[in-house]
């Protein structure tokens, strides 16, 4: 039996409706692109790239029919795309345009929800809440953790490190919302000399700087040397890696975290898990991540091993209140931080 909402849905509009026509046209063009992706060359031709100049025209002062916009974009831009989802593309680490992921993207775009608050988007907020709970459970991270979906691991670093910064300063009696960073107690940052560039960019964005980071030498496999970590002399963030981008190696989490936790100062351990934290769900590789669950925050994304489209980063923080306080709008909790 249909539920009340289903009973009240209007009948589909006739196929000759122009709104439906352009959507059907887009679907056909997208299917044609994906169907032939295995036969496409990986890089566009120089002629196709040069042809993009045809899009650079003065802003029109009249409307253009939607079907013409789609046709022009597909005709000019499609030949200049890089075949990222094709079977012969081996650059970077990219997601996939699987039927399920493309379809859900289309559907969520059609819904056009204001996803910031549950009040403006109950459905998508519920979906994200459930998905984040699944991710935390799948990775075997502390159940009390909170998380948020962001645009990529870089923004996940920024979110988690901002929470770390604010929490560490609060342990010193400093309210960053009130006083800002000017005159704040210093926070030490320790990271591997083979840390990813996005980590150092994030440290700069949250005001912790790059040049003042204490870098620890790595061994021959690119793992941070636990014996080379300097004494912790104040509030400190220690940044570890689950999957070195160059070697694939994992830092010795237990050894390092043991040393960090023994310090007499407040500490926060952050893990860059963009490349390797998903080893936790692979029975033959899970041992590589032993101890990673003891950290305070983790950054990763879904466009690598989960094979979803781009713009799917994840920031996860053990101290849910710390993440919420950092991301709050005044007295309003940031609704996309889900525990």
Protein backbone atom coordinates (compact mmCIF):
# COMPACT_ATOMS: atom_id res chain seq x y z
CA UNK A 1 0.00 0.00 0.00
CA UNK A 2 1.34 3.43 -0.87
CA UNK A 3 2.16 5.81 1.97
CA UNK A 4 0.45 9.18 2.28
CA UNK A 5 3.27 11.06 0.57
CA UNK A 6 3.32 8.67 -2.37
CA UNK A 7 -0.43 8.99 -2.83
CA UNK A 8 -0.19 12.77 -3.08
CA UNK A 9 2.59 12.85 -5.66
CA UNK A 10 1.46 14.46 -8.91
CA UNK A 11 1.43 12.45 -12.07
CA UNK A 12 4.56 12.81 -14.21
CA UNK A 13 4.42 15.63 -16.69
CA UNK A 14 4.10 14.71 -20.36
CA UNK A 15 7.31 13.83 -22.17
CA UNK A 16 7.01 16.89 -24.42
CA UNK A 17 7.45 19.21 -21.43
CA UNK A 18 10.64 21.20 -22.20
CA UNK A 19 11.97 20.70 -18.66
CA UNK A 20 11.82 16.96 -19.03
CA UNK A 21 13.21 17.08 -22.56
CA UNK A 22 16.45 18.75 -21.52
CA UNK A 23 16.89 16.36 -18.59
CA UNK A 24 16.37 13.38 -20.88
CA UNK A 25 18.88 14.90 -23.27
CA UNK A 26 21.48 15.29 -20.50
CA UNK A 27 20.93 11.71 -19.38
CA UNK A 28 21.45 10.45 -22.93
CA UNK A 29 24.63 12.49 -23.36
CA UNK A 30 26.01 11.32 -19.99
CA UNK A 31 25.26 7.67 -20.79
CA UNK A 32 26.92 8.04 -24.17
CA UNK A 33 30.03 9.50 -22.51
CA UNK A 34 30.25 6.76 -19.90
CA UNK A 35 29.53 3.98 -22.40
CA UNK A 36 32.42 5.01 -24.61
CA UNK A 37 34.86 5.90 -21.85
CA UNK A 38 36.87 2.73 -22.31
CA UNK A 39 37.66 3.63 -25.91
CA UNK A 40 38.49 7.30 -25.36
CA UNK A 41 42.04 8.57 -25.31
CA UNK A 42 43.13 9.58 -21.82
CA UNK A 43 44.24 13.15 -22.56
CA UNK A 44 42.28 15.48 -24.83
CA UNK A 45 43.83 16.53 -28.11
CA UNK A 46 45.49 19.97 -28.34
CA UNK A 47 42.76 20.93 -30.78
CA UNK A 48 40.04 20.07 -28.24
CA UNK A 49 41.74 22.13 -25.55
CA UNK A 50 42.18 25.05 -27.94
CA UNK A 51 38.51 24.74 -28.84
CA UNK A 52 37.54 25.75 -25.29
CA UNK A 53 38.15 29.34 -26.34
CA UNK A 54 34.78 29.19 -28.08
CA UNK A 55 33.16 29.37 -24.64
CA UNK A 56 34.85 32.68 -23.84
CA UNK A 57 32.27 35.07 -25.24
CA UNK A 58 30.75 38.27 -23.84
CA UNK A 59 27.95 37.82 -21.33
CA UNK A 60 24.68 37.62 -23.24
CA UNK A 61 21.83 40.01 -22.47
CA UNK A 62 19.16 37.55 -23.56
CA UNK A 63 18.18 34.13 -22.25
CA UNK A 64 19.38 31.01 -24.05
CA UNK A 65 17.17 27.91 -24.31
CA UNK A 66 18.39 25.24 -21.87
CA UNK A 67 18.75 22.65 -24.60
CA UNK A 68 21.11 24.99 -26.46
CA UNK A 69 23.21 25.51 -23.33
CA UNK A 70 23.55 21.76 -22.88
CA UNK A 71 24.36 21.15 -26.53
CA UNK A 72 27.03 23.84 -26.60
CA UNK A 73 28.68 22.70 -23.40
CA UNK A 74 28.70 19.07 -24.49
CA UNK A 75 29.97 19.89 -27.98
CA UNK A 76 32.79 22.19 -26.85
CA UNK A 77 33.79 21.04 -23.38
CA UNK A 78 33.25 17.27 -23.53
CA UNK A 79 36.09 16.64 -26.04
CA UNK A 80 38.48 18.52 -23.71
CA UNK A 81 37.75 16.39 -20.63
CA UNK A 82 40.39 14.14 -19.14
CA UNK A 83 39.23 10.52 -19.06
CA UNK A 84 39.65 10.22 -15.31
CA UNK A 85 37.13 7.41 -14.87
CA UNK A 86 38.48 5.39 -17.77
CA UNK A 87 40.40 2.12 -17.36
CA UNK A 88 43.66 3.54 -18.71
CA UNK A 89 43.96 6.58 -16.44
CA UNK A 90 46.68 6.08 -13.82
CA UNK A 91 47.32 9.63 -12.62
CA UNK A 92 46.35 10.86 -9.17
CA UNK A 93 43.83 8.79 -7.19
CA UNK A 94 40.37 9.28 -8.59
CA UNK A 95 36.83 8.31 -7.89
CA UNK A 96 34.52 6.57 -10.29
CA UNK A 97 31.43 7.57 -12.23
CA UNK A 98 29.53 4.42 -11.33
CA UNK A 99 25.82 4.32 -12.20
CA UNK A 100 24.81 4.54 -8.53
CA UNK A 101 27.06 7.49 -7.73
CA UNK A 102 26.10 9.44 -10.85
CA UNK A 103 22.41 8.78 -10.29
CA UNK A 104 22.51 9.91 -6.66
CA UNK A 105 24.40 13.06 -7.67
CA UNK A 106 21.71 13.86 -10.22
CA UNK A 107 18.93 13.22 -7.71
CA UNK A 108 20.47 15.31 -4.94
CA UNK A 109 21.08 18.14 -7.42
CA UNK A 110 17.42 18.02 -8.45
CA UNK A 111 16.39 18.21 -4.79
CA UNK A 112 18.62 21.31 -4.39
CA UNK A 113 18.54 21.20 -0.59
CA UNK A 114 20.04 23.77 1.77
CA UNK A 115 22.12 21.13 3.53
CA UNK A 116 23.53 23.26 6.34
CA UNK A 117 20.69 22.73 8.80
CA UNK A 118 18.30 19.90 9.52
CA UNK A 119 15.47 22.45 9.50
CA UNK A 120 16.18 23.27 5.85
CA UNK A 121 17.03 19.74 4.76
CA UNK A 122 15.75 16.96 7.01
CA UNK A 123 16.27 14.23 4.40
CA UNK A 124 19.85 14.96 3.38
CA UNK A 125 20.87 15.70 6.96
CA UNK A 126 19.52 12.31 8.03
CA UNK A 127 21.33 10.59 5.17
CA UNK A 128 24.64 12.23 6.11
CA UNK A 129 24.14 11.44 9.78
CA UNK A 130 23.60 7.76 9.03
CA UNK A 131 26.44 7.57 6.51
CA UNK A 132 28.89 9.15 8.96
CA UNK A 133 27.88 6.69 11.66
CA UNK A 134 28.50 3.85 9.20
CA UNK A 135 31.95 5.25 8.32
CA UNK A 136 33.00 5.58 11.97
CA UNK A 137 31.83 2.03 12.63
CA UNK A 138 33.44 0.65 9.47
CA UNK A 139 36.81 2.16 10.35
CA UNK A 140 36.61 0.95 13.93
CA UNK A 141 37.04 4.45 15.33
CA UNK A 142 35.72 5.45 18.78
CA UNK A 143 31.93 5.35 18.83
CA UNK A 144 31.77 8.71 20.61
CA UNK A 145 33.43 10.44 17.65
CA UNK A 146 31.70 13.09 15.56
CA UNK A 147 32.24 13.71 11.90
CA UNK A 148 31.35 15.92 8.98
CA UNK A 149 31.41 15.50 5.22
CA UNK A 150 33.51 18.17 3.51
CA UNK A 151 34.93 18.73 0.03
CA UNK A 152 38.13 16.73 0.45
CA UNK A 153 40.92 15.69 2.77
CA UNK A 154 42.44 19.18 2.73
CA UNK A 155 39.28 20.69 4.22
CA UNK A 156 39.01 17.70 6.56
CA UNK A 157 42.50 18.58 7.84
CA UNK A 158 41.44 22.20 8.30
CA UNK A 159 38.31 21.22 10.23
CA UNK A 160 40.04 18.72 12.53
CA UNK A 161 43.11 20.89 13.15
CA UNK A 162 40.91 23.89 13.94
CA UNK A 163 39.15 21.78 16.57
CA UNK A 164 42.54 20.67 17.90
CA UNK A 165 43.80 24.26 18.04
CA UNK A 166 40.72 25.53 19.87
CA UNK A 167 40.68 22.67 22.37
CA UNK A 168 44.38 22.98 23.20
CA UNK A 169 44.04 26.73 23.71
CA UNK A 170 41.02 26.16 25.96
CA UNK A 171 43.17 23.96 28.20
CA UNK A 172 45.41 27.02 28.64
CA UNK A 173 42.42 29.20 29.54
CA UNK A 174 42.38 30.96 26.18
CA UNK A 175 39.07 31.51 24.37
CA UNK A 176 39.89 31.81 20.70
CA UNK A 177 36.36 32.94 19.77
CA UNK A 178 36.74 35.93 22.06
CA UNK A 179 40.43 36.77 21.75
CA UNK A 180 41.50 35.26 18.42
CA UNK A 181 45.06 34.05 17.88
CA UNK A 182 46.81 37.34 18.65
CA UNK A 183 48.69 36.85 21.90
CA UNK A 184 47.49 33.26 22.29
CA UNK A 185 49.72 30.69 24.02
CA UNK A 186 51.92 28.95 21.43
CA UNK A 187 50.98 25.52 20.15
CA UNK A 188 53.74 23.18 19.02
CA UNK A 189 53.16 21.10 15.90
CA UNK A 190 55.12 17.93 15.17
CA UNK A 191 54.84 16.21 11.78
CA UNK A 192 56.76 13.82 9.57
CA UNK A 193 59.29 15.25 7.14
CA UNK A 194 57.33 13.30 4.52
CA UNK A 195 53.94 14.71 5.47
CA UNK A 196 51.60 15.50 2.58
CA UNK A 197 51.50 19.06 1.27
CA UNK A 198 47.79 19.36 2.08
CA UNK A 199 48.57 18.89 5.77
CA UNK A 200 51.02 21.78 5.82
CA UNK A 201 48.59 23.93 3.82
CA UNK A 202 45.89 23.21 6.40
CA UNK A 203 48.24 24.13 9.26
CA UNK A 204 48.83 27.47 7.56
CA UNK A 205 45.11 28.09 7.05
CA UNK A 206 44.28 27.55 10.73
CA UNK A 207 47.04 29.92 11.81
CA UNK A 208 49.57 27.37 13.08
CA UNK A 209 52.09 28.18 10.38
CA UNK A 210 54.32 26.04 8.22
CA UNK A 211 57.89 27.05 8.93
CA UNK A 212 57.49 26.61 12.68
CA UNK A 213 56.37 22.97 12.35
CA UNK A 214 58.84 20.57 13.96
CA UNK A 215 59.55 17.89 11.34
CA UNK A 216 60.62 14.43 12.42
CA UNK A 217 62.86 12.32 10.14
CA UNK A 218 61.43 9.21 8.51
CA UNK A 219 62.98 5.78 8.10
CA UNK A 220 63.89 4.23 4.75
CA UNK A 221 60.25 3.31 4.13
CA UNK A 222 58.86 6.76 4.85
CA UNK A 223 57.58 6.06 8.37
CA UNK A 224 57.99 8.65 11.08
CA UNK A 225 60.68 7.54 13.52
CA UNK A 226 59.17 7.29 17.00
CA UNK A 227 62.63 7.52 18.58
CA UNK A 228 63.25 10.88 16.87
CA UNK A 229 60.23 12.69 18.31
CA UNK A 230 61.49 15.62 20.39
CA UNK A 231 60.40 16.22 23.99
CA UNK A 232 56.93 17.75 24.24
CA UNK A 233 57.31 21.09 26.00
CA UNK A 234 53.82 22.59 25.78
CA UNK A 235 50.42 22.15 24.12
CA UNK A 236 51.20 20.05 21.06
CA UNK A 237 49.58 18.64 17.94
CA UNK A 238 51.29 15.54 16.52
CA UNK A 239 50.38 14.74 12.91
CA UNK A 240 50.72 11.13 11.73
CA UNK A 241 50.13 9.37 8.42
CA UNK A 242 48.15 6.30 7.47
CA UNK A 243 49.57 5.75 4.02
CA UNK A 244 52.54 7.82 2.87
CA UNK A 245 51.63 9.18 -0.58
CA UNK A 246 55.08 8.30 -1.95
CA UNK A 247 55.76 4.91 -0.35
CA UNK A 248 52.42 3.71 1.01
CA UNK A 249 53.95 3.21 4.47
CA UNK A 250 52.17 3.72 7.80
CA UNK A 251 53.60 5.50 10.81
CA UNK A 252 54.04 3.31 13.93
CA UNK A 253 50.93 4.61 15.67
CA UNK A 254 51.21 2.74 18.95
CA UNK A 255 54.87 3.59 19.51
CA UNK A 256 54.36 7.28 18.75
CA UNK A 257 51.09 7.67 20.62
CA UNK A 258 52.61 5.98 23.69
CA UNK A 259 55.34 8.63 23.72
CA UNK A 260 52.88 11.47 23.15
CA UNK A 261 50.45 10.38 25.83
CA UNK A 262 53.28 10.17 28.37
CA UNK A 263 53.86 13.92 28.07
CA UNK A 264 52.98 16.26 30.94
CA UNK A 265 51.31 18.72 28.56
CA UNK A 266 47.99 18.58 26.68
CA UNK A 267 48.37 16.88 23.32
CA UNK A 268 46.29 16.09 20.26
CA UNK A 269 47.14 13.38 17.71
CA UNK A 270 45.82 13.95 14.18
CA UNK A 271 46.00 11.35 11.41
CA UNK A 272 46.17 12.00 7.68
CA UNK A 273 44.29 8.93 6.50
CA UNK A 274 43.55 10.00 2.94
CA UNK A 275 45.42 7.15 1.33
CA UNK A 276 45.64 4.39 3.89
CA UNK A 277 43.10 4.44 6.69
CA UNK A 278 40.80 2.26 4.59
CA UNK A 279 43.28 -0.59 5.10
CA UNK A 280 41.39 -1.10 8.36
CA UNK A 281 38.57 -2.77 6.43
CA UNK A 282 40.90 -5.09 4.48
CA UNK A 283 41.60 -8.19 6.63
CA UNK A 284 45.07 -8.76 5.18
CA UNK A 285 46.13 -5.11 5.58
CA UNK A 286 44.38 -4.02 8.78
CA UNK A 287 47.53 -4.71 10.84
CA UNK A 288 49.17 -1.71 9.18
CA UNK A 289 46.79 0.62 11.02
CA UNK A 290 47.20 -0.88 14.49
CA UNK A 291 46.74 1.89 17.05
CA UNK A 292 45.33 4.49 14.66
CA UNK A 293 42.07 4.42 16.61
CA UNK A 294 43.92 5.91 19.59
CA UNK A 295 44.31 9.26 17.81
CA UNK A 296 42.11 12.30 18.44
CA UNK A 297 41.13 13.12 14.87
CA UNK A 298 41.29 11.65 11.39
CA UNK A 299 41.00 13.10 7.88
CA UNK A 300 40.16 11.04 4.82
CA UNK A 301 37.98 11.00 1.71
CA UNK A 302 35.82 8.70 -0.34
CA UNK A 303 37.08 9.32 -3.86
CA UNK A 304 39.96 6.89 -3.52
CA UNK A 305 39.13 3.44 -2.20
CA UNK A 306 35.36 3.99 -1.95
CA UNK A 307 35.20 4.88 -5.65
CA UNK A 308 32.76 7.75 -5.27
CA UNK A 309 32.92 11.04 -7.20
CA UNK A 310 35.03 13.95 -6.05
CA UNK A 311 34.05 16.35 -3.24
CA UNK A 312 33.63 13.72 -0.55
CA UNK A 313 36.04 14.41 2.30
CA UNK A 314 35.48 13.33 5.90
CA UNK A 315 36.64 15.02 9.10
CA UNK A 316 36.25 12.83 12.18
CA UNK A 317 37.04 13.95 15.73
CA UNK A 318 36.96 11.84 18.89
CA UNK A 319 35.94 14.83 21.05
CA UNK A 320 32.55 15.58 19.52
CA UNK A 321 32.05 18.68 21.65
CA UNK A 322 35.36 20.13 20.47
CA UNK A 323 34.34 19.78 16.83
CA UNK A 324 30.89 21.22 17.47
CA UNK A 325 32.23 24.19 19.42
CA UNK A 326 34.71 25.04 16.68
CA UNK A 327 32.11 24.78 13.92
CA UNK A 328 29.23 26.43 15.79
CA UNK A 329 27.47 29.60 14.65
CA UNK A 330 27.32 31.44 17.96
CA UNK A 331 24.80 29.56 20.08
CA UNK A 332 23.65 27.46 17.13
CA UNK A 333 25.38 24.11 16.80
CA UNK A 334 26.75 23.33 13.34
CA UNK A 335 24.21 20.70 12.28
CA UNK A 336 26.49 18.83 9.86
CA UNK A 337 28.77 17.61 12.66
CA UNK A 338 27.25 14.27 13.43
CA UNK A 339 27.98 11.95 16.29
